[in-house]
Protein backbone atom coordinates (compact mmCIF):
# COMPACT_ATOMS: atom_id res chain seq x y z
CA MET A 1 -51.91 -63.96 -12.86
CA THR A 2 -51.25 -61.92 -9.64
CA CYS A 3 -49.09 -59.47 -11.56
CA ASN A 4 -51.95 -58.86 -14.02
CA ARG A 5 -54.44 -58.38 -11.18
CA PHE A 6 -51.94 -55.91 -9.54
CA ARG A 7 -51.80 -53.89 -12.73
CA ARG A 8 -55.59 -53.67 -12.85
CA TRP A 9 -55.73 -52.31 -9.30
CA TRP A 10 -52.90 -49.89 -10.10
CA VAL A 11 -54.70 -48.56 -13.17
CA LEU A 12 -58.00 -48.26 -11.30
CA ALA A 13 -56.26 -46.39 -8.41
CA ALA A 14 -54.61 -44.03 -10.96
CA ILE A 15 -57.92 -43.37 -12.67
CA LEU A 16 -59.54 -42.52 -9.27
CA ILE A 17 -56.71 -40.45 -7.74
CA LEU A 18 -55.39 -38.51 -10.66
CA PRO A 19 -58.45 -36.22 -11.19
CA GLY A 20 -58.26 -35.17 -7.55
CA ILE A 21 -54.58 -34.34 -7.78
CA MET A 22 -55.09 -32.43 -11.07
CA HIS A 23 -57.98 -30.44 -9.51
CA ALA A 24 -55.78 -29.51 -6.50
CA GLN A 25 -53.09 -28.23 -8.86
CA ILE A 26 -55.33 -26.09 -11.03
CA ARG A 27 -57.15 -24.14 -8.35
CA PRO A 28 -56.35 -20.43 -8.84
CA PHE A 29 -54.52 -18.59 -5.99
CA VAL A 30 -52.74 -15.38 -5.14
CA LEU A 31 -49.07 -15.91 -4.59
CA LEU A 32 -47.01 -13.84 -2.16
CA GLU A 33 -43.46 -14.43 -3.24
CA LYS A 34 -40.00 -13.00 -2.70
CA ALA A 35 -38.34 -12.60 -6.07
CA GLY A 36 -35.11 -14.69 -6.44
CA THR A 37 -35.85 -17.00 -3.48
CA LYS A 38 -38.02 -20.03 -2.72
CA LYS A 39 -40.09 -18.16 -0.09
CA LYS A 40 -43.76 -18.35 -1.25
CA PHE A 41 -47.17 -18.22 0.43
CA ARG A 42 -50.42 -19.08 -1.32
CA TYR A 43 -53.81 -17.49 -0.72
CA TYR A 44 -56.73 -19.46 -2.08
CA ARG A 45 -60.42 -18.40 -2.28
CA GLY A 46 -61.82 -18.60 1.20
CA ASP A 47 -58.49 -17.84 2.92
CA GLU A 48 -58.17 -14.82 5.24
CA ILE A 49 -55.78 -12.12 4.22
CA LYS A 50 -54.48 -9.34 6.45
CA PHE A 51 -52.94 -6.28 4.88
CA THR A 52 -52.07 -2.63 5.22
CA LEU A 53 -52.69 -0.15 2.38
CA ARG A 54 -49.89 1.99 1.03
CA ASP A 55 -51.49 5.15 2.41
CA GLY A 56 -51.38 3.58 5.95
CA ASP A 57 -55.02 3.30 6.91
CA GLY A 58 -54.20 0.57 9.49
CA LYS A 59 -54.61 -3.12 9.30
CA LYS A 60 -57.44 -4.55 7.25
CA SER A 61 -58.47 -8.12 6.85
CA GLY A 62 -60.96 -10.13 4.92
CA VAL A 63 -61.75 -13.42 3.33
CA ILE A 64 -60.87 -13.70 -0.32
CA THR A 65 -63.98 -14.32 -2.45
CA SER A 66 -62.52 -13.87 -5.91
CA PHE A 67 -59.65 -12.18 -7.71
CA ASN A 68 -58.40 -11.28 -11.16
CA ASP A 69 -55.13 -10.10 -12.58
CA SER A 70 -55.35 -6.67 -10.84
CA ILE A 71 -57.87 -6.75 -8.01
CA VAL A 72 -58.59 -9.08 -5.07
CA PHE A 73 -62.23 -9.05 -3.82
CA LEU A 74 -62.97 -9.57 -0.14
CA HIS A 75 -66.14 -10.97 1.54
CA SER A 76 -67.40 -7.47 2.34
CA GLY A 77 -67.65 -6.74 -1.38
CA VAL A 78 -64.62 -4.47 -1.35
CA GLY A 79 -62.12 -4.81 -4.20
CA VAL A 80 -58.52 -3.93 -3.43
CA ALA A 81 -55.97 -3.42 -6.20
CA TYR A 82 -52.65 -5.17 -5.76
CA ASP A 83 -50.87 -1.86 -6.24
CA GLU A 84 -52.71 -0.35 -3.27
CA ILE A 85 -51.48 -3.04 -0.79
CA GLY A 86 -48.38 -1.94 1.05
CA ARG A 87 -47.83 -4.82 3.50
CA ILE A 88 -49.11 -8.33 4.02
CA HIS A 89 -49.42 -9.54 7.63
CA ARG A 90 -49.06 -13.27 8.24
CA PRO A 91 -49.33 -15.03 11.60
CA ARG A 92 -45.89 -15.90 13.00
CA ASN A 93 -45.27 -19.49 14.15
CA GLY A 94 -48.90 -20.55 14.10
CA VAL A 95 -47.84 -24.11 14.83
CA VAL A 96 -45.97 -23.09 18.05
CA LYS A 97 -48.99 -21.11 19.26
CA GLY A 98 -51.25 -24.06 18.52
CA ILE A 99 -49.03 -26.42 20.58
CA GLY A 100 -49.21 -23.88 23.42
CA THR A 101 -53.03 -23.69 23.44
CA LYS A 102 -53.32 -27.49 23.21
CA ALA A 103 -50.95 -27.77 26.24
CA LEU A 104 -53.15 -25.36 28.16
CA VAL A 105 -56.24 -27.42 27.34
CA ALA A 106 -54.47 -30.65 28.40
CA ILE A 107 -53.76 -29.46 32.01
CA PRO A 108 -57.29 -29.85 33.40
CA LEU A 109 -57.64 -33.16 31.50
CA ILE A 110 -54.43 -34.55 33.08
CA ILE A 111 -55.44 -33.42 36.59
CA GLY A 112 -59.04 -34.66 36.12
CA PHE A 113 -58.02 -38.15 34.89
CA SER A 114 -55.45 -38.48 37.68
CA ALA A 115 -58.03 -37.51 40.33
CA ALA A 116 -60.64 -39.86 38.86
CA ASN A 117 -58.17 -42.70 38.76
CA ASN A 118 -57.16 -42.19 42.36
CA LEU A 119 -60.75 -41.76 43.60
CA PHE A 120 -62.42 -44.63 41.84
CA ASN A 121 -59.64 -47.21 41.23
CA THR A 122 -56.91 -46.96 43.85
CA GLY A 123 -58.35 -44.85 46.71
CA GLU A 124 -54.96 -43.39 47.41
CA THR A 125 -54.36 -39.98 48.92
CA PRO A 126 -53.49 -37.30 47.76
CA ILE A 127 -56.16 -37.36 45.10
CA VAL A 128 -53.90 -35.85 42.41
CA ASP A 129 -50.50 -37.52 42.41
CA ASP A 130 -47.16 -35.75 41.92
CA ALA A 131 -46.51 -37.05 38.40
CA ALA A 132 -49.73 -35.42 37.13
CA LEU A 133 -48.80 -32.16 38.85
CA ASN A 134 -45.27 -32.25 37.28
CA VAL A 135 -46.62 -32.91 33.79
CA SER A 136 -49.24 -30.16 34.23
CA GLY A 137 -46.53 -27.76 35.40
CA ALA A 138 -44.47 -28.57 32.27
CA PHE A 139 -47.45 -27.96 30.03
CA ALA A 140 -48.07 -24.63 31.76
CA ALA A 141 -44.45 -23.66 31.15
CA ILE A 142 -44.82 -24.56 27.45
CA TRP A 143 -47.89 -22.39 27.24
CA LEU A 144 -46.14 -19.45 28.95
CA VAL A 145 -43.20 -19.71 26.55
CA THR A 146 -45.50 -19.65 23.53
CA LEU A 147 -47.06 -16.36 24.76
CA THR A 148 -43.77 -14.64 23.94
CA VAL A 149 -44.06 -15.38 20.20
CA GLY A 150 -44.97 -12.21 18.28
CA PRO A 151 -48.35 -11.99 16.67
CA ASP A 152 -47.68 -11.15 12.98
CA LYS A 153 -44.77 -10.95 10.48
CA ASP A 154 -44.97 -8.11 8.01
CA TYR A 155 -44.00 -8.45 4.35
CA LYS A 156 -43.39 -5.15 2.62
CA LEU A 157 -44.50 -5.22 -1.00
CA LYS A 158 -42.22 -2.47 -2.28
CA ASN A 159 -38.81 -4.16 -2.37
CA ARG A 160 -38.61 -7.81 -3.34
CA TRP A 161 -41.96 -9.17 -2.11
CA ARG A 162 -44.86 -9.15 -4.58
CA LEU A 163 -48.40 -10.37 -5.02
CA VAL A 164 -48.95 -12.44 -8.13
CA PRO A 165 -52.33 -13.87 -9.17
CA VAL A 166 -51.95 -17.42 -10.56
CA ILE A 167 -54.98 -18.18 -12.72
CA HIS A 168 -54.66 -21.28 -14.86
């Protein structure tokens, strides 16, 4: 009896979950890939893309609104052909920079909670204890280290990197 009930729940869960998984797999995207390797980056509609044209007009960026097999359209209404794009710029180590900014935000919180604890609960002096200052100093060091990470990594589209629209 319990095995039969388990099967019913399993079938119900599969019926509810599979359409969501299938929808996520069939969304069209623009693929930046390096031929012959597993390095791939996907750009969906609504993602920001930064690029430089082949004639070198400087960095341009925009949000992808739509695309077809030869042109990507940005939010400003401009269509850019894949052949005109010379380089794609992607942020380098976005996770590391995110950790650094979170560490910077945590410093005043640590000092504030330590001061509030000592003022209202214990009444000890100094108001901010040494442990809070040491942890805040470590977080400040983490933030300073993440400042050294470069802003963007460039992918040249002339050699092995290419943009491929994947439309199902």
